[in-house]
Amino acid sequence: MSVKDSDETLEIKIEHLKAVFFVKDFEGDRNYRKRNDVERVGLGRKISVLFKDGEMMVGYSHGFSRERVGFFLVPADSNSNNEKAFIVNAATISVGFAQ
């Protein structure tokens, strides 16, 4: 049985997370290739996030600050399976403005 099928509650410390992903579908599509060159308006500044595990995400944020625990990021590609993500700053190597 998986955790999602049980009533069990798990406490997870935020410093142990990379991010919290808000997804459209739990299955996703392994063959989909995200596009980072998509321009969207009204979602904040376009930024690029490099995680400690080597993954890079490009998207938009209204409130990035190193002084906070994390920030929300909306993917550049609106067809991505991720609606948005809460990025944990401690899990990143760099965050900067994207082209």
PDB file of N, CA and C in Angstrom:
ATOM      1  N   MET A   1       0.852  -1.173   0.000  1.00  0.00           N
ATOM      2  CA  MET A   1       0.000   0.000   0.000  1.00  0.00           C
ATOM      3  C   MET A   1       0.897   1.234   0.000  1.00  0.00           C
ATOM      4  N   SER A   2       0.542   2.224  -0.796  1.00  0.00           N
ATOM      5  CA  SER A   2       1.310   3.467  -0.829  1.00  0.00           C
ATOM      6  C   SER A   2       0.761   4.445   0.203  1.00  0.00           C
ATOM      7  N   VAL A   3       1.543   5.453   0.507  1.00  0.00           N
ATOM      8  CA  VAL A   3       1.141   6.455   1.488  1.00  0.00           C
ATOM      9  C   VAL A   3      -0.130   7.170   1.024  1.00  0.00           C
ATOM     10  N   LYS A   4      -0.260   7.412  -0.282  1.00  0.00           N
ATOM     11  CA  LYS A   4      -1.436   8.137  -0.765  1.00  0.00           C
ATOM     12  C   LYS A   4      -2.722   7.344  -0.563  1.00  0.00           C
ATOM     13  N   ASP A   5      -2.623   6.026  -0.355  1.00  0.00           N
ATOM     14  CA  ASP A   5      -3.800   5.184  -0.132  1.00  0.00           C
ATOM     15  C   ASP A   5      -4.094   4.960   1.346  1.00  0.00           C
ATOM     16  N   SER A   6      -3.330   5.578   2.222  1.00  0.00           N
ATOM     17  CA  SER A   6      -3.523   5.353   3.646  1.00  0.00           C
ATOM     18  C   SER A   6      -3.925   6.652   4.343  1.00  0.00           C
ATOM     19  N   ASP A   7      -4.301   6.512   5.595  1.00  0.00           N
ATOM     20  CA  ASP A   7      -4.616   7.674   6.422  1.00  0.00           C
ATOM     21  C   ASP A   7      -3.402   8.111   7.238  1.00  0.00           C
ATOM     22  N   GLU A   8      -2.265   7.494   6.969  1.00  0.00           N
ATOM     23  CA  GLU A   8      -1.048   7.790   7.715  1.00  0.00           C
ATOM     24  C   GLU A   8      -0.586   9.220   7.462  1.00  0.00           C
ATOM     25  N   THR A   9      -0.143   9.881   8.503  1.00  0.00           N
ATOM     26  CA  THR A   9       0.403  11.227   8.400  1.00  0.00           C
ATOM     27  C   THR A   9       1.911  11.145   8.552  1.00  0.00           C
ATOM     28  N   LEU A  10       2.613  11.787   7.641  1.00  0.00           N
ATOM     29  CA  LEU A  10       4.075  11.836   7.697  1.00  0.00           C
ATOM     30  C   LEU A  10       4.513  13.269   7.931  1.00  0.00           C
ATOM     31  N   GLU A  11       5.404  13.471   8.873  1.00  0.00           N
ATOM     32  CA  GLU A  11       5.970  14.787   9.081  1.00  0.00           C
ATOM     33  C   GLU A  11       7.303  14.833   8.356  1.00  0.00           C
ATOM     34  N   ILE A  12       7.440  15.812   7.482  1.00  0.00           N
ATOM     35  CA  ILE A  12       8.662  15.960   6.698  1.00  0.00           C
ATOM     36  C   ILE A  12       9.208  17.358   6.938  1.00  0.00           C
ATOM     37  N   LYS A  13      10.455  17.441   7.312  1.00  0.00           N
ATOM     38  CA  LYS A  13      11.081  18.737   7.573  1.00  0.00           C
ATOM     39  C   LYS A  13      11.442  19.399   6.245  1.00  0.00           C
ATOM     40  N   ILE A  14      11.134  20.665   6.147  1.00  0.00           N
ATOM     41  CA  ILE A  14      11.337  21.377   4.884  1.00  0.00           C
ATOM     42  C   ILE A  14      12.795  21.358   4.438  1.00  0.00           C
ATOM     43  N   GLU A  15      13.732  21.346   5.375  1.00  0.00           N
ATOM     44  CA  GLU A  15      15.143  21.331   4.991  1.00  0.00           C
ATOM     45  C   GLU A  15      15.564  20.013   4.331  1.00  0.00           C
ATOM     46  N   HIS A  16      14.710  19.002   4.387  1.00  0.00           N
ATOM     47  CA  HIS A  16      14.982  17.728   3.726  1.00  0.00           C
ATOM     48  C   HIS A  16      14.408  17.672   2.319  1.00  0.00           C
ATOM     49  N   LEU A  17      13.724  18.730   1.908  1.00  0.00           N
ATOM     50  CA  LEU A  17      13.073  18.755   0.603  1.00  0.00           C
ATOM     51  C   LEU A  17      13.887  19.527  -0.424  1.00  0.00           C
ATOM     52  N   LYS A  18      13.674  19.195  -1.662  1.00  0.00           N
ATOM     53  CA  LYS A  18      14.196  19.948  -2.800  1.00  0.00           C
ATOM     54  C   LYS A  18      13.146  20.988  -3.207  1.00  0.00           C
ATOM     55  N   ALA A  19      11.919  20.526  -3.313  1.00  0.00           N
ATOM     56  CA  ALA A  19      10.803  21.374  -3.718  1.00  0.00           C
ATOM     57  C   ALA A  19       9.512  20.612  -3.453  1.00  0.00           C
ATOM     58  N   VAL A  20       8.418  21.346  -3.472  1.00  0.00           N
ATOM     59  CA  VAL A  20       7.091  20.742  -3.426  1.00  0.00           C
ATOM     60  C   VAL A  20       6.451  21.064  -4.764  1.00  0.00           C
ATOM     61  N   PHE A  21       6.108  20.027  -5.510  1.00  0.00           N
ATOM     62  CA  PHE A  21       5.560  20.196  -6.848  1.00  0.00           C
ATOM     63  C   PHE A  21       4.046  20.042  -6.824  1.00  0.00           C
ATOM     64  N   PHE A  22       3.363  21.005  -7.407  1.00  0.00           N
ATOM     65  CA  PHE A  22       1.915  20.957  -7.570  1.00  0.00           C
ATOM     66  C   PHE A  22       1.684  20.523  -9.009  1.00  0.00           C
ATOM     67  N   VAL A  23       1.224  19.280  -9.181  1.00  0.00           N
ATOM     68  CA  VAL A  23       1.163  18.683 -10.511  1.00  0.00           C
ATOM     69  C   VAL A  23      -0.262  18.590 -11.041  1.00  0.00           C
ATOM     70  N   LYS A  24      -0.370  18.520 -12.361  1.00  0.00           N
ATOM     71  CA  LYS A  24      -1.663  18.354 -13.025  1.00  0.00           C
ATOM     72  C   LYS A  24      -2.111  16.911 -12.959  1.00  0.00           C
ATOM     73  N   ASP A  25      -1.144  15.991 -13.041  1.00  0.00           N
ATOM     74  CA  ASP A  25      -1.432  14.558 -13.134  1.00  0.00           C
ATOM     75  C   ASP A  25      -0.303  13.801 -12.432  1.00  0.00           C
ATOM     76  N   PHE A  26      -0.644  12.841 -11.576  1.00  0.00           N
ATOM     77  CA  PHE A  26       0.390  12.091 -10.859  1.00  0.00           C
ATOM     78  C   PHE A  26       1.154  11.131 -11.767  1.00  0.00           C
ATOM     79  N   GLU A  27       0.602  10.784 -12.898  1.00  0.00           N
ATOM     80  CA  GLU A  27       1.276   9.883 -13.830  1.00  0.00           C
ATOM     81  C   GLU A  27       2.326  10.616 -14.654  1.00  0.00           C
ATOM     82  N   GLY A  28       1.980  11.802 -15.133  1.00  0.00           N
ATOM     83  CA  GLY A  28       2.911  12.550 -15.975  1.00  0.00           C
ATOM     84  C   GLY A  28       3.108  11.884 -17.326  1.00  0.00           C
ATOM     85  N   ASP A  29       4.059  12.370 -18.093  1.00  0.00           N
ATOM     86  CA  ASP A  29       4.378  11.828 -19.414  1.00  0.00           C
ATOM     87  C   ASP A  29       5.893  11.820 -19.559  1.00  0.00           C
ATOM     88  N   ARG A  30       6.487  10.647 -19.404  1.00  0.00           N
ATOM     89  CA  ARG A  30       7.956  10.529 -19.458  1.00  0.00           C
ATOM     90  C   ARG A  30       8.532  11.011 -20.789  1.00  0.00           C
ATOM     91  N   ASN A  31       7.750  10.954 -21.857  1.00  0.00           N
ATOM     92  CA  ASN A  31       8.243  11.324 -23.186  1.00  0.00           C
ATOM     93  C   ASN A  31       8.135  12.823 -23.475  1.00  0.00           C
ATOM     94  N   TYR A  32       7.433  13.557 -22.627  1.00  0.00           N
ATOM     95  CA  TYR A  32       7.283  14.992 -22.864  1.00  0.00           C
ATOM     96  C   TYR A  32       8.603  15.705 -22.594  1.00  0.00           C
ATOM     97  N   ARG A  33       8.974  16.595 -23.472  1.00  0.00           N
ATOM     98  CA  ARG A  33      10.194  17.391 -23.318  1.00  0.00           C
ATOM     99  C   ARG A  33       9.794  18.834 -23.074  1.00  0.00           C
ATOM    100  N   LYS A  34      10.089  19.324 -21.883  1.00  0.00           N
ATOM    101  CA  LYS A  34       9.702  20.689 -21.539  1.00  0.00           C
ATOM    102  C   LYS A  34      10.459  21.707 -22.375  1.00  0.00           C
ATOM    103  N   ARG A  35       9.823  22.854 -22.564  1.00  0.00           N
ATOM    104  CA  ARG A  35      10.408  23.959 -23.317  1.00  0.00           C
ATOM    105  C   ARG A  35      10.637  25.117 -22.366  1.00  0.00           C
ATOM    106  N   ASN A  36      11.845  25.610 -22.331  1.00  0.00           N
ATOM    107  CA  ASN A  36      12.178  26.735 -21.459  1.00  0.00           C
ATOM    108  C   ASN A  36      12.171  28.065 -22.197  1.00  0.00           C
ATOM    109  N   ASP A  37      11.997  28.015 -23.525  1.00  0.00           N
ATOM    110  CA  ASP A  37      12.040  29.235 -24.328  1.00  0.00           C
ATOM    111  C   ASP A  37      10.669  29.901 -24.468  1.00  0.00           C
ATOM    112  N   VAL A  38       9.671  29.384 -23.783  1.00  0.00           N
ATOM    113  CA  VAL A  38       8.314  29.922 -23.862  1.00  0.00           C
ATOM    114  C   VAL A  38       8.223  31.180 -23.007  1.00  0.00           C
ATOM    115  N   GLU A  39       7.651  32.233 -23.572  1.00  0.00           N
ATOM    116  CA  GLU A  39       7.472  33.485 -22.827  1.00  0.00           C
ATOM    117  C   GLU A  39       6.032  33.569 -22.352  1.00  0.00           C
ATOM    118  N   ARG A  40       5.856  33.909 -21.065  1.00  0.00           N
ATOM    119  CA  ARG A  40       4.530  34.078 -20.481  1.00  0.00           C
ATOM    120  C   ARG A  40       4.500  35.421 -19.769  1.00  0.00           C
ATOM    121  N   VAL A  41       3.327  36.017 -19.684  1.00  0.00           N
ATOM    122  CA  VAL A  41       3.223  37.341 -19.059  1.00  0.00           C
ATOM    123  C   VAL A  41       2.403  37.268 -17.778  1.00  0.00           C
ATOM    124  N   GLY A  42       2.675  38.208 -16.880  1.00  0.00           N
ATOM    125  CA  GLY A  42       1.907  38.337 -15.653  1.00  0.00           C
ATOM    126  C   GLY A  42       2.273  37.379 -14.548  1.00  0.00           C
ATOM    127  N   LEU A  43       3.392  36.673 -14.697  1.00  0.00           N
ATOM    128  CA  LEU A  43       3.785  35.670 -13.704  1.00  0.00           C
ATOM    129  C   LEU A  43       5.041  36.055 -12.935  1.00  0.00           C
ATOM    130  N   GLY A  44       5.527  37.271 -13.148  1.00  0.00           N
ATOM    131  CA  GLY A  44       6.734  37.707 -12.456  1.00  0.00           C
ATOM    132  C   GLY A  44       7.938  37.690 -13.369  1.00  0.00           C
ATOM    133  N   ARG A  45       9.117  37.690 -12.745  1.00  0.00           N
ATOM    134  CA  ARG A  45      10.382  37.664 -13.496  1.00  0.00           C
ATOM    135  C   ARG A  45      10.735  36.247 -13.903  1.00  0.00           C
ATOM    136  N   LYS A  46      11.310  36.111 -15.086  1.00  0.00           N
ATOM    137  CA  LYS A  46      11.749  34.798 -15.559  1.00  0.00           C
ATOM    138  C   LYS A  46      13.093  34.484 -14.915  1.00  0.00           C
ATOM    139  N   ILE A  47      13.159  33.339 -14.230  1.00  0.00           N
ATOM    140  CA  ILE A  47      14.387  32.952 -13.545  1.00  0.00           C
ATOM    141  C   ILE A  47      14.770  31.524 -13.890  1.00  0.00           C
ATOM    142  N   SER A  48      16.013  31.224 -13.648  1.00  0.00           N
ATOM    143  CA  SER A  48      16.569  29.896 -13.846  1.00  0.00           C
ATOM    144  C   SER A  48      17.079  29.399 -12.498  1.00  0.00           C
ATOM    145  N   VAL A  49      16.711  28.187 -12.138  1.00  0.00           N
ATOM    146  CA  VAL A  49      17.100  27.601 -10.853  1.00  0.00           C
ATOM    147  C   VAL A  49      17.949  26.365 -11.114  1.00  0.00           C
ATOM    148  N   LEU A  50      19.141  26.327 -10.547  1.00  0.00           N
ATOM    149  CA  LEU A  50      19.998  25.144 -10.624  1.00  0.00           C
ATOM    150  C   LEU A  50      20.014  24.499  -9.245  1.00  0.00           C
ATOM    151  N   PHE A  51      19.542  23.243  -9.200  1.00  0.00           N
ATOM    152  CA  PHE A  51      19.491  22.500  -7.943  1.00  0.00           C
ATOM    153  C   PHE A  51      20.809  21.782  -7.684  1.00  0.00           C
ATOM    154  N   LYS A  52      21.036  21.429  -6.438  1.00  0.00           N
ATOM    155  CA  LYS A  52      22.244  20.704  -6.041  1.00  0.00           C
ATOM    156  C   LYS A  52      22.361  19.343  -6.716  1.00  0.00           C
ATOM    157  N   ASP A  53      21.219  18.755  -7.135  1.00  0.00           N
ATOM    158  CA  ASP A  53      21.266  17.458  -7.808  1.00  0.00           C
ATOM    159  C   ASP A  53      21.505  17.588  -9.316  1.00  0.00           C
ATOM    160  N   GLY A  54      21.725  18.827  -9.810  1.00  0.00           N
ATOM    161  CA  GLY A  54      22.028  19.052 -11.223  1.00  0.00           C
ATOM    162  C   GLY A  54      20.826  19.424 -12.078  1.00  0.00           C
ATOM    163  N   GLU A  55      19.624  19.263 -11.564  1.00  0.00           N
ATOM    164  CA  GLU A  55      18.440  19.619 -12.348  1.00  0.00           C
ATOM    165  C   GLU A  55      18.339  21.137 -12.465  1.00  0.00           C
ATOM    166  N   MET A  56      17.850  21.583 -13.620  1.00  0.00           N
ATOM    167  CA  MET A  56      17.605  23.005 -13.825  1.00  0.00           C
ATOM    168  C   MET A  56      16.134  23.204 -14.149  1.00  0.00           C
ATOM    169  N   MET A  57      15.546  24.227 -13.537  1.00  0.00           N
ATOM    170  CA  MET A  57      14.170  24.609 -13.841  1.00  0.00           C
ATOM    171  C   MET A  57      14.162  26.072 -14.259  1.00  0.00           C
ATOM    172  N   VAL A  58      13.340  26.365 -15.263  1.00  0.00           N
ATOM    173  CA  VAL A  58      13.168  27.736 -15.718  1.00  0.00           C
ATOM    174  C   VAL A  58      11.695  28.075 -15.582  1.00  0.00           C
ATOM    175  N   GLY A  59      11.426  29.231 -15.000  1.00  0.00           N
ATOM    176  CA  GLY A  59      10.046  29.633 -14.825  1.00  0.00           C
ATOM    177  C   GLY A  59       9.960  31.059 -14.323  1.00  0.00           C
ATOM    178  N   TYR A  60       8.818  31.382 -13.749  1.00  0.00           N
ATOM    179  CA  TYR A  60       8.535  32.748 -13.333  1.00  0.00           C
ATOM    180  C   TYR A  60       8.229  32.807 -11.851  1.00  0.00           C
ATOM    181  N   SER A  61       8.712  33.888 -11.213  1.00  0.00           N
ATOM    182  CA  SER A  61       8.479  34.062  -9.784  1.00  0.00           C
ATOM    183  C   SER A  61       8.262  35.539  -9.460  1.00  0.00           C
ATOM    184  N   HIS A  62       7.340  35.775  -8.540  1.00  0.00           N
ATOM    185  CA  HIS A  62       7.095  37.131  -8.052  1.00  0.00           C
ATOM    186  C   HIS A  62       7.910  37.420  -6.801  1.00  0.00           C
ATOM    187  N   GLY A  63       8.406  36.362  -6.132  1.00  0.00           N
ATOM    188  CA  GLY A  63       8.959  36.625  -4.814  1.00  0.00           C
ATOM    189  C   GLY A  63      10.203  35.875  -4.423  1.00  0.00           C
ATOM    190  N   PHE A  64      11.195  35.788  -5.291  1.00  0.00           N
ATOM    191  CA  PHE A  64      12.426  35.113  -4.893  1.00  0.00           C
ATOM    192  C   PHE A  64      13.210  35.987  -3.922  1.00  0.00           C
ATOM    193  N   SER A  65      13.652  35.379  -2.828  1.00  0.00           N
ATOM    194  CA  SER A  65      14.536  36.040  -1.875  1.00  0.00           C
ATOM    195  C   SER A  65      15.350  34.967  -1.167  1.00  0.00           C
ATOM    196  N   ARG A  66      16.668  35.146  -1.114  1.00  0.00           N
ATOM    197  CA  ARG A  66      17.543  34.198  -0.410  1.00  0.00           C
ATOM    198  C   ARG A  66      17.268  34.191   1.092  1.00  0.00           C
ATOM    199  N   GLU A  67      16.693  35.260   1.617  1.00  0.00           N
ATOM    200  CA  GLU A  67      16.432  35.369   3.052  1.00  0.00           C
ATOM    201  C   GLU A  67      15.247  34.509   3.496  1.00  0.00           C
ATOM    202  N   ARG A  68      14.439  34.057   2.572  1.00  0.00           N
ATOM    203  CA  ARG A  68      13.278  33.223   2.909  1.00  0.00           C
ATOM    204  C   ARG A  68      13.639  31.752   2.758  1.00  0.00           C
ATOM    205  N   VAL A  69      12.791  30.899   3.280  1.00  0.00           N
ATOM    206  CA  VAL A  69      12.990  29.448   3.170  1.00  0.00           C
ATOM    207  C   VAL A  69      12.895  28.999   1.721  1.00  0.00           C
ATOM    208  N   GLY A  70      12.016  29.628   0.970  1.00  0.00           N
ATOM    209  CA  GLY A  70      11.821  29.241  -0.420  1.00  0.00           C
ATOM    210  C   GLY A  70      10.936  30.225  -1.145  1.00  0.00           C
ATOM    211  N   PHE A  71      10.521  29.836  -2.354  1.00  0.00           N
ATOM    212  CA  PHE A  71       9.704  30.706  -3.187  1.00  0.00           C
ATOM    213  C   PHE A  71       8.925  29.859  -4.179  1.00  0.00           C
ATOM    214  N   PHE A  72       7.852  30.431  -4.714  1.00  0.00           N
ATOM    215  CA  PHE A  72       7.053  29.735  -5.717  1.00  0.00           C
ATOM    216  C   PHE A  72       7.577  30.042  -7.108  1.00  0.00           C
ATOM    217  N   LEU A  73       7.527  29.025  -7.958  1.00  0.00           N
ATOM    218  CA  LEU A  73       7.965  29.129  -9.343  1.00  0.00           C
ATOM    219  C   LEU A  73       6.886  28.523 -10.231  1.00  0.00           C
ATOM    220  N   VAL A  74       6.466  29.267 -11.246  1.00  0.00           N
ATOM    221  CA  VAL A  74       5.539  28.756 -12.260  1.00  0.00           C
ATOM    222  C   VAL A  74       6.388  28.407 -13.472  1.00  0.00           C
ATOM    223  N   PRO A  75       6.307  27.159 -13.973  1.00  0.00           N
ATOM    224  CA  PRO A  75       7.154  26.755 -15.100  1.00  0.00           C
ATOM    225  C   PRO A  75       6.968  27.641 -16.332  1.00  0.00           C
ATOM    226  N   ALA A  76       8.048  27.845 -17.070  1.00  0.00           N
ATOM    227  CA  ALA A  76       7.977  28.603 -18.317  1.00  0.00           C
ATOM    228  C   ALA A  76       7.043  27.901 -19.303  1.00  0.00           C
ATOM    229  N   ASP A  77       7.082  26.596 -19.339  1.00  0.00           N
ATOM    230  CA  ASP A  77       6.269  25.807 -20.265  1.00  0.00           C
ATOM    231  C   ASP A  77       4.909  25.515 -19.638  1.00  0.00           C
ATOM    232  N   SER A  78       3.871  26.141 -20.160  1.00  0.00           N
ATOM    233  CA  SER A  78       2.525  25.937 -19.612  1.00  0.00           C
ATOM    234  C   SER A  78       2.009  24.524 -19.853  1.00  0.00           C
ATOM    235  N   ASN A  79       2.651  23.774 -20.747  1.00  0.00           N
ATOM    236  CA  ASN A  79       2.260  22.381 -20.999  1.00  0.00           C
ATOM    237  C   ASN A  79       2.987  21.389 -20.097  1.00  0.00           C
ATOM    238  N   SER A  80       3.842  21.903 -19.224  1.00  0.00           N
ATOM    239  CA  SER A  80       4.538  21.056 -18.254  1.00  0.00           C
ATOM    240  C   SER A  80       3.511  20.397 -17.338  1.00  0.00           C
ATOM    241  N   ASN A  81       3.845  19.272 -16.774  1.00  0.00           N
ATOM    242  CA  ASN A  81       2.954  18.613 -15.817  1.00  0.00           C
ATOM    243  C   ASN A  81       2.913  19.377 -14.489  1.00  0.00           C
ATOM    244  N   ASN A  82       3.874  20.241 -14.254  1.00  0.00           N
ATOM    245  CA  ASN A  82       3.894  21.036 -13.025  1.00  0.00           C
ATOM    246  C   ASN A  82       3.069  22.302 -13.201  1.00  0.00           C
ATOM    247  N   GLU A  83       2.121  22.507 -12.292  1.00  0.00           N
ATOM    248  CA  GLU A  83       1.356  23.760 -12.273  1.00  0.00           C
ATOM    249  C   GLU A  83       2.244  24.855 -11.692  1.00  0.00           C
ATOM    250  N   LYS A  84       2.905  24.517 -10.587  1.00  0.00           N
ATOM    251  CA  LYS A  84       3.849  25.401  -9.919  1.00  0.00           C
ATOM    252  C   LYS A  84       4.667  24.544  -8.974  1.00  0.00           C
ATOM    253  N   ALA A  85       5.695  25.155  -8.400  1.00  0.00           N
ATOM    254  CA  ALA A  85       6.531  24.453  -7.428  1.00  0.00           C
ATOM    255  C   ALA A  85       6.957  25.430  -6.347  1.00  0.00           C
ATOM    256  N   PHE A  86       7.054  24.929  -5.117  1.00  0.00           N
ATOM    257  CA  PHE A  86       7.655  25.702  -4.045  1.00  0.00           C
ATOM    258  C   PHE A  86       9.089  25.226  -3.957  1.00  0.00           C
ATOM    259  N   ILE A  87      10.023  26.075  -4.310  1.00  0.00           N
ATOM    260  CA  ILE A  87      11.444  25.737  -4.354  1.00  0.00           C
ATOM    261  C   ILE A  87      12.069  26.038  -2.998  1.00  0.00           C
ATOM    262  N   VAL A  88      12.771  25.068  -2.437  1.00  0.00           N
ATOM    263  CA  VAL A  88      13.468  25.255  -1.162  1.00  0.00           C
ATOM    264  C   VAL A  88      14.860  25.810  -1.468  1.00  0.00           C
ATOM    265  N   ASN A  89      15.133  27.012  -0.973  1.00  0.00           N
ATOM    266  CA  ASN A  89      16.410  27.672  -1.270  1.00  0.00           C
ATOM    267  C   ASN A  89      17.627  26.820  -0.913  1.00  0.00           C
ATOM    268  N   ALA A  90      17.571  26.083   0.184  1.00  0.00           N
ATOM    269  CA  ALA A  90      18.721  25.275   0.619  1.00  0.00           C
ATOM    270  C   ALA A  90      19.068  24.172  -0.381  1.00  0.00           C
ATOM    271  N   ALA A  91      18.149  23.819  -1.270  1.00  0.00           N
ATOM    272  CA  ALA A  91      18.381  22.760  -2.256  1.00  0.00           C
ATOM    273  C   ALA A  91      18.939  23.295  -3.568  1.00  0.00           C
ATOM    274  N   THR A  92      19.202  24.609  -3.626  1.00  0.00           N
ATOM    275  CA  THR A  92      19.677  25.204  -4.873  1.00  0.00           C
ATOM    276  C   THR A  92      21.153  25.575  -4.803  1.00  0.00           C
ATOM    277  N   ILE A  93      21.767  25.573  -5.971  1.00  0.00           N
ATOM    278  CA  ILE A  93      23.135  26.081  -6.112  1.00  0.00           C
ATOM    279  C   ILE A  93      23.075  27.545  -6.534  1.00  0.00           C
ATOM    280  N   SER A  94      22.192  27.817  -7.489  1.00  0.00           N
ATOM    281  CA  SER A  94      22.072  29.192  -7.970  1.00  0.00           C
ATOM    282  C   SER A  94      20.657  29.468  -8.452  1.00  0.00           C
ATOM    283  N   VAL A  95      20.295  30.742  -8.351  1.00  0.00           N
ATOM    284  CA  VAL A  95      19.036  31.253  -8.875  1.00  0.00           C
ATOM    285  C   VAL A  95      19.367  32.579  -9.527  1.00  0.00           C
ATOM    286  N   GLY A  96      18.988  32.729 -10.797  1.00  0.00           N
ATOM    287  CA  GLY A  96      19.302  33.970 -11.492  1.00  0.00           C
ATOM    288  C   GLY A  96      18.271  34.285 -12.552  1.00  0.00           C
ATOM    289  N   PHE A  97      18.339  35.476 -13.067  1.00  0.00           N
ATOM    290  CA  PHE A  97      17.413  35.879 -14.112  1.00  0.00           C
ATOM    291  C   PHE A  97      17.726  35.125 -15.389  1.00  0.00           C
ATOM    292  N   ALA A  98      16.676  34.646 -16.058  1.00  0.00           N
ATOM    293  CA  ALA A  98      16.820  33.875 -17.289  1.00  0.00           C
ATOM    294  C   ALA A  98      16.570  34.783 -18.493  1.00  0.00           C
ATOM    295  N   GLN A  99      17.098  34.381 -19.606  1.00  0.00           N
ATOM    296  CA  GLN A  99      16.896  35.121 -20.864  1.00  0.00           C
ATOM    297  C   GLN A  99      15.650  34.644 -21.558  1.00  0.00           C
TER     298      GLN A  99
END
